[in-house]
Every structure is written in structure tokens, then in C-alpha cells.
Amino acid sequence: MKNITRILLGATLASASLLAAAADNPLSVHILDLQSGKPTAGVAVSLEQRDGQAWRALGNAVTDAQGRVRALYPAGKPISKGVYRIVFNTGEHYARLRQPTFFEQIPVEFKIDDTAQHYHIPLLLSPYGYSTYRGN
């Protein structure tokens, strides 16, 4: 019984630690499949920041079982004002499903003016269309 209690306590602390880190992160994403109405797990997502005319890679992640990346910005670094781009690699997702799609990648560019805010970028996805907006 003590071992089970220790395991549960360890899992609870690990989950709390992950949630706390995500809460401190200024950027998150979420993908919802409009065709099925379910979260879209396993999609590779990359984050870049515009640097002059080029894009500088900041990080990569994969959406979890809830279709989320809760902490996309590099941990421990303050976000700066500027133009950013998230690239959702949706072609790989549809290839796994053996379903055709029109969009291999979906780049979403946005500007951060207020570094004190949290930025959430949801993607509503279907094989032949998508929509996005500034979430919270």
C-alpha cells in the first residue's frame, strides 16, 4: 500500500509540476479536428521568430492526447515583442490516417506586442480547410 501511495504522490507532483511550467509559458496551441469533433493528437508544431527577413527556429513540440501543446515557447526565457510563426505539420497527421488533405503545412503568423500576456493559438482543422484565432 505504501508503494502505491508513493507512486500516486509522485505522479501527482509530476503533473502539478508540468502544469505549473505550462502556466508560466507565454504560448500554447490547440488543434481540434472539425470532421470528427475530437482533439488532434500527434501533430508536429514548430515555433519561429522573424529576424529581419529570415525566420529563427525557437522550438518544436507534438500535440498531446488533448490536441494541445501547453508550453511552446522555450522554457525559462522571457518572450519578446515581435513577429512569430507557428507551423502546424498537418500533412503528416493526414498521412497517418491515410486520408488526403490539401494543406501539408499550415503557417500562422502573429505579432506579440504585450509580453505580459499569454498567447493561445487554436487551430480548427479539416482536410480541406482550417481556421484560427487568438484564444486565451
C-alpha atoms as a PDB file:
ATOM      1  CA  MET A   1       0.000   0.000   0.000  1.00  0.00           C
ATOM      2  CA  LYS A   2       2.879   2.381   0.791  1.00  0.00           C
ATOM      3  CA  ASN A   3       4.338   1.822  -2.680  1.00  0.00           C
ATOM      4  CA  ILE A   4       1.030   2.657  -4.345  1.00  0.00           C
ATOM      5  CA  THR A   5       0.734   5.806  -2.234  1.00  0.00           C
ATOM      6  CA  ARG A   6       4.272   6.840  -3.213  1.00  0.00           C
ATOM      7  CA  ILE A   7       3.595   6.203  -6.894  1.00  0.00           C
ATOM      8  CA  LEU A   8       0.359   8.210  -6.801  1.00  0.00           C
ATOM      9  CA  LEU A   9       2.025  11.037  -4.902  1.00  0.00           C
ATOM     10  CA  GLY A  10       4.920  11.074  -7.388  1.00  0.00           C
ATOM     11  CA  ALA A  11       2.527  11.149 -10.352  1.00  0.00           C
ATOM     12  CA  THR A  12       0.509  13.951  -8.752  1.00  0.00           C
ATOM     13  CA  LEU A  13       3.620  16.036  -8.104  1.00  0.00           C
ATOM     14  CA  ALA A  14       4.920  15.439 -11.627  1.00  0.00           C
ATOM     15  CA  SER A  15       1.567  16.506 -13.113  1.00  0.00           C
ATOM     16  CA  ALA A  16       1.466  19.606 -10.929  1.00  0.00           C
ATOM     17  CA  SER A  17       5.000  20.467 -11.971  1.00  0.00           C
ATOM     18  CA  LEU A  18       4.138  20.155 -15.673  1.00  0.00           C
ATOM     19  CA  LEU A  19       1.009  22.275 -15.260  1.00  0.00           C
ATOM     20  CA  ALA A  20       2.934  24.942 -13.357  1.00  0.00           C
ATOM     21  CA  ALA A  21       5.580  25.086 -16.105  1.00  0.00           C
ATOM     22  CA  ALA A  22       2.858  25.350 -18.755  1.00  0.00           C
ATOM     23  CA  ALA A  23       1.094  28.105 -16.784  1.00  0.00           C
ATOM     24  CA  ASP A  24       4.306  30.146 -16.798  1.00  0.00           C
ATOM     25  CA  ASN A  25       4.831  29.638 -20.536  1.00  0.00           C
ATOM     26  CA  PRO A  26       3.554  32.533 -22.661  1.00  0.00           C
ATOM     27  CA  LEU A  27       2.472  30.445 -25.685  1.00  0.00           C
ATOM     28  CA  SER A  28       0.209  27.442 -26.200  1.00  0.00           C
ATOM     29  CA  VAL A  29      -1.632  25.817 -29.112  1.00  0.00           C
ATOM     30  CA  HIS A  30      -4.611  23.503 -29.552  1.00  0.00           C
ATOM     31  CA  ILE A  31      -5.840  21.593 -32.606  1.00  0.00           C
ATOM     32  CA  LEU A  32      -9.431  20.427 -32.972  1.00  0.00           C
ATOM     33  CA  ASP A  33     -10.458  18.188 -35.875  1.00  0.00           C
ATOM     34  CA  LEU A  34     -13.702  19.645 -37.224  1.00  0.00           C
ATOM     35  CA  GLN A  35     -14.523  16.470 -39.145  1.00  0.00           C
ATOM     36  CA  SER A  36     -14.529  14.237 -36.056  1.00  0.00           C
ATOM     37  CA  GLY A  37     -15.066  16.871 -33.360  1.00  0.00           C
ATOM     38  CA  LYS A  38     -12.097  15.455 -31.459  1.00  0.00           C
ATOM     39  CA  PRO A  39      -8.707  16.829 -30.424  1.00  0.00           C
ATOM     40  CA  THR A  40      -5.912  16.188 -32.899  1.00  0.00           C
ATOM     41  CA  ALA A  41      -3.045  14.375 -31.197  1.00  0.00           C
ATOM     42  CA  GLY A  42       0.398  13.712 -32.651  1.00  0.00           C
ATOM     43  CA  VAL A  43       0.794  16.785 -34.861  1.00  0.00           C
ATOM     44  CA  ALA A  44       4.290  18.264 -35.028  1.00  0.00           C
ATOM     45  CA  VAL A  45       4.317  22.005 -34.351  1.00  0.00           C
ATOM     46  CA  SER A  46       7.246  24.390 -34.725  1.00  0.00           C
ATOM     47  CA  LEU A  47       7.750  27.949 -33.492  1.00  0.00           C
ATOM     48  CA  GLU A  48       9.863  30.587 -35.229  1.00  0.00           C
ATOM     49  CA  GLN A  49      10.522  34.287 -34.728  1.00  0.00           C
ATOM     50  CA  ARG A  50      11.117  36.728 -37.558  1.00  0.00           C
ATOM     51  CA  ASP A  51      14.668  38.036 -37.538  1.00  0.00           C
ATOM     52  CA  GLY A  52      14.938  40.663 -40.281  1.00  0.00           C
ATOM     53  CA  GLN A  53      13.835  38.873 -43.461  1.00  0.00           C
ATOM     54  CA  ALA A  54      14.573  35.377 -42.103  1.00  0.00           C
ATOM     55  CA  TRP A  55      12.897  33.108 -39.558  1.00  0.00           C
ATOM     56  CA  ARG A  56      14.791  31.855 -36.500  1.00  0.00           C
ATOM     57  CA  ALA A  57      13.713  28.494 -35.041  1.00  0.00           C
ATOM     58  CA  LEU A  58      12.743  28.641 -31.354  1.00  0.00           C
ATOM     59  CA  GLY A  59      11.243  25.247 -30.642  1.00  0.00           C
ATOM     60  CA  ASN A  60       9.287  22.179 -31.653  1.00  0.00           C
ATOM     61  CA  ALA A  61       6.649  20.058 -29.981  1.00  0.00           C
ATOM     62  CA  VAL A  62       3.954  17.479 -30.724  1.00  0.00           C
ATOM     63  CA  THR A  63       0.321  17.846 -29.702  1.00  0.00           C
ATOM     64  CA  ASP A  64      -0.703  15.653 -26.769  1.00  0.00           C
ATOM     65  CA  ALA A  65      -3.768  13.400 -26.458  1.00  0.00           C
ATOM     66  CA  GLN A  66      -5.931  16.511 -25.952  1.00  0.00           C
ATOM     67  CA  GLY A  67      -4.520  18.090 -29.127  1.00  0.00           C
ATOM     68  CA  ARG A  68      -2.542  20.618 -27.096  1.00  0.00           C
ATOM     69  CA  VAL A  69       0.948  21.927 -26.702  1.00  0.00           C
ATOM     70  CA  ARG A  70       0.709  23.717 -23.377  1.00  0.00           C
ATOM     71  CA  ALA A  71       4.184  25.264 -23.429  1.00  0.00           C
ATOM     72  CA  LEU A  72       5.530  26.029 -26.915  1.00  0.00           C
ATOM     73  CA  TYR A  73       7.876  28.908 -26.098  1.00  0.00           C
ATOM     74  CA  PRO A  74      11.362  27.894 -24.836  1.00  0.00           C
ATOM     75  CA  ALA A  75      11.208  27.347 -21.068  1.00  0.00           C
ATOM     76  CA  GLY A  76      12.942  29.847 -18.823  1.00  0.00           C
ATOM     77  CA  LYS A  77      13.212  32.561 -21.473  1.00  0.00           C
ATOM     78  CA  PRO A  78      11.076  35.706 -21.433  1.00  0.00           C
ATOM     79  CA  ILE A  79       9.098  36.264 -24.612  1.00  0.00           C
ATOM     80  CA  SER A  80       9.979  39.391 -26.563  1.00  0.00           C
ATOM     81  CA  LYS A  81       7.908  41.658 -28.753  1.00  0.00           C
ATOM     82  CA  GLY A  82       7.989  40.710 -32.393  1.00  0.00           C
ATOM     83  CA  VAL A  83       6.507  38.641 -35.192  1.00  0.00           C
ATOM     84  CA  TYR A  84       6.248  34.898 -34.713  1.00  0.00           C
ATOM     85  CA  ARG A  85       5.173  31.952 -36.830  1.00  0.00           C
ATOM     86  CA  ILE A  86       3.774  28.618 -35.771  1.00  0.00           C
ATOM     87  CA  VAL A  87       3.867  25.886 -38.409  1.00  0.00           C
ATOM     88  CA  PHE A  88       1.411  23.028 -37.963  1.00  0.00           C
ATOM     89  CA  ASN A  89       2.631  19.957 -39.908  1.00  0.00           C
ATOM     90  CA  THR A  90      -0.819  18.632 -40.730  1.00  0.00           C
ATOM     91  CA  GLY A  91       0.216  16.605 -43.791  1.00  0.00           C
ATOM     92  CA  GLU A  92       1.932  14.032 -41.571  1.00  0.00           C
ATOM     93  CA  HIS A  93      -1.245  13.721 -39.500  1.00  0.00           C
ATOM     94  CA  TYR A  94      -3.432  13.010 -42.519  1.00  0.00           C
ATOM     95  CA  ALA A  95      -0.824  10.629 -43.972  1.00  0.00           C
ATOM     96  CA  ARG A  96      -1.056   8.559 -40.750  1.00  0.00           C
ATOM     97  CA  LEU A  97      -4.835   8.487 -41.189  1.00  0.00           C
ATOM     98  CA  ARG A  98      -4.395   7.563 -44.877  1.00  0.00           C
ATOM     99  CA  GLN A  99      -6.637  10.473 -45.730  1.00  0.00           C
ATOM    100  CA  PRO A 100      -5.932  13.060 -48.437  1.00  0.00           C
ATOM    101  CA  THR A 101      -5.535  16.699 -47.458  1.00  0.00           C
ATOM    102  CA  PHE A 102      -4.972  19.944 -49.290  1.00  0.00           C
ATOM    103  CA  PHE A 103      -2.742  21.510 -46.634  1.00  0.00           C
ATOM    104  CA  GLU A 104       0.606  19.828 -45.916  1.00  0.00           C
ATOM    105  CA  GLN A 105       1.597  22.611 -43.523  1.00  0.00           C
ATOM    106  CA  ILE A 106      -0.315  25.483 -42.007  1.00  0.00           C
ATOM    107  CA  PRO A 107       1.817  28.500 -41.092  1.00  0.00           C
ATOM    108  CA  VAL A 108       0.216  31.001 -38.729  1.00  0.00           C
ATOM    109  CA  GLU A 109       1.970  34.358 -38.325  1.00  0.00           C
ATOM    110  CA  PHE A 110       1.142  36.670 -35.434  1.00  0.00           C
ATOM    111  CA  LYS A 111       2.561  39.671 -33.610  1.00  0.00           C
ATOM    112  CA  ILE A 112       3.281  39.955 -29.892  1.00  0.00           C
ATOM    113  CA  ASP A 113       3.041  43.478 -28.517  1.00  0.00           C
ATOM    114  CA  ASP A 114       2.334  42.773 -24.844  1.00  0.00           C
ATOM    115  CA  THR A 115       4.872  40.384 -23.316  1.00  0.00           C
ATOM    116  CA  ALA A 116       2.903  40.142 -20.052  1.00  0.00           C
ATOM    117  CA  GLN A 117       0.024  38.268 -21.702  1.00  0.00           C
ATOM    118  CA  HIS A 118      -0.451  34.592 -22.511  1.00  0.00           C
ATOM    119  CA  TYR A 119      -0.979  33.819 -26.202  1.00  0.00           C
ATOM    120  CA  HIS A 120      -3.061  30.807 -27.216  1.00  0.00           C
ATOM    121  CA  ILE A 121      -3.359  29.862 -30.893  1.00  0.00           C
ATOM    122  CA  PRO A 122      -6.124  27.314 -31.605  1.00  0.00           C
ATOM    123  CA  LEU A 123      -6.370  25.623 -34.997  1.00  0.00           C
ATOM    124  CA  LEU A 124      -9.712  24.272 -36.210  1.00  0.00           C
ATOM    125  CA  LEU A 125      -8.745  21.690 -38.816  1.00  0.00           C
ATOM    126  CA  SER A 126     -10.349  19.697 -41.613  1.00  0.00           C
ATOM    127  CA  PRO A 127      -8.736  18.012 -44.642  1.00  0.00           C
ATOM    128  CA  TYR A 128      -9.605  20.898 -46.971  1.00  0.00           C
ATOM    129  CA  GLY A 129      -9.845  23.916 -44.711  1.00  0.00           C
ATOM    130  CA  TYR A 130      -8.813  25.471 -41.445  1.00  0.00           C
ATOM    131  CA  SER A 131      -9.467  28.419 -39.182  1.00  0.00           C
ATOM    132  CA  THR A 132      -7.512  30.004 -36.367  1.00  0.00           C
ATOM    133  CA  TYR A 133      -7.918  32.850 -33.900  1.00  0.00           C
ATOM    134  CA  ARG A 134      -6.389  34.399 -30.800  1.00  0.00           C
ATOM    135  CA  GLY A 135      -7.555  32.323 -27.875  1.00  0.00           C
ATOM    136  CA  ASN A 136      -6.934  32.761 -24.176  1.00  0.00           C
END
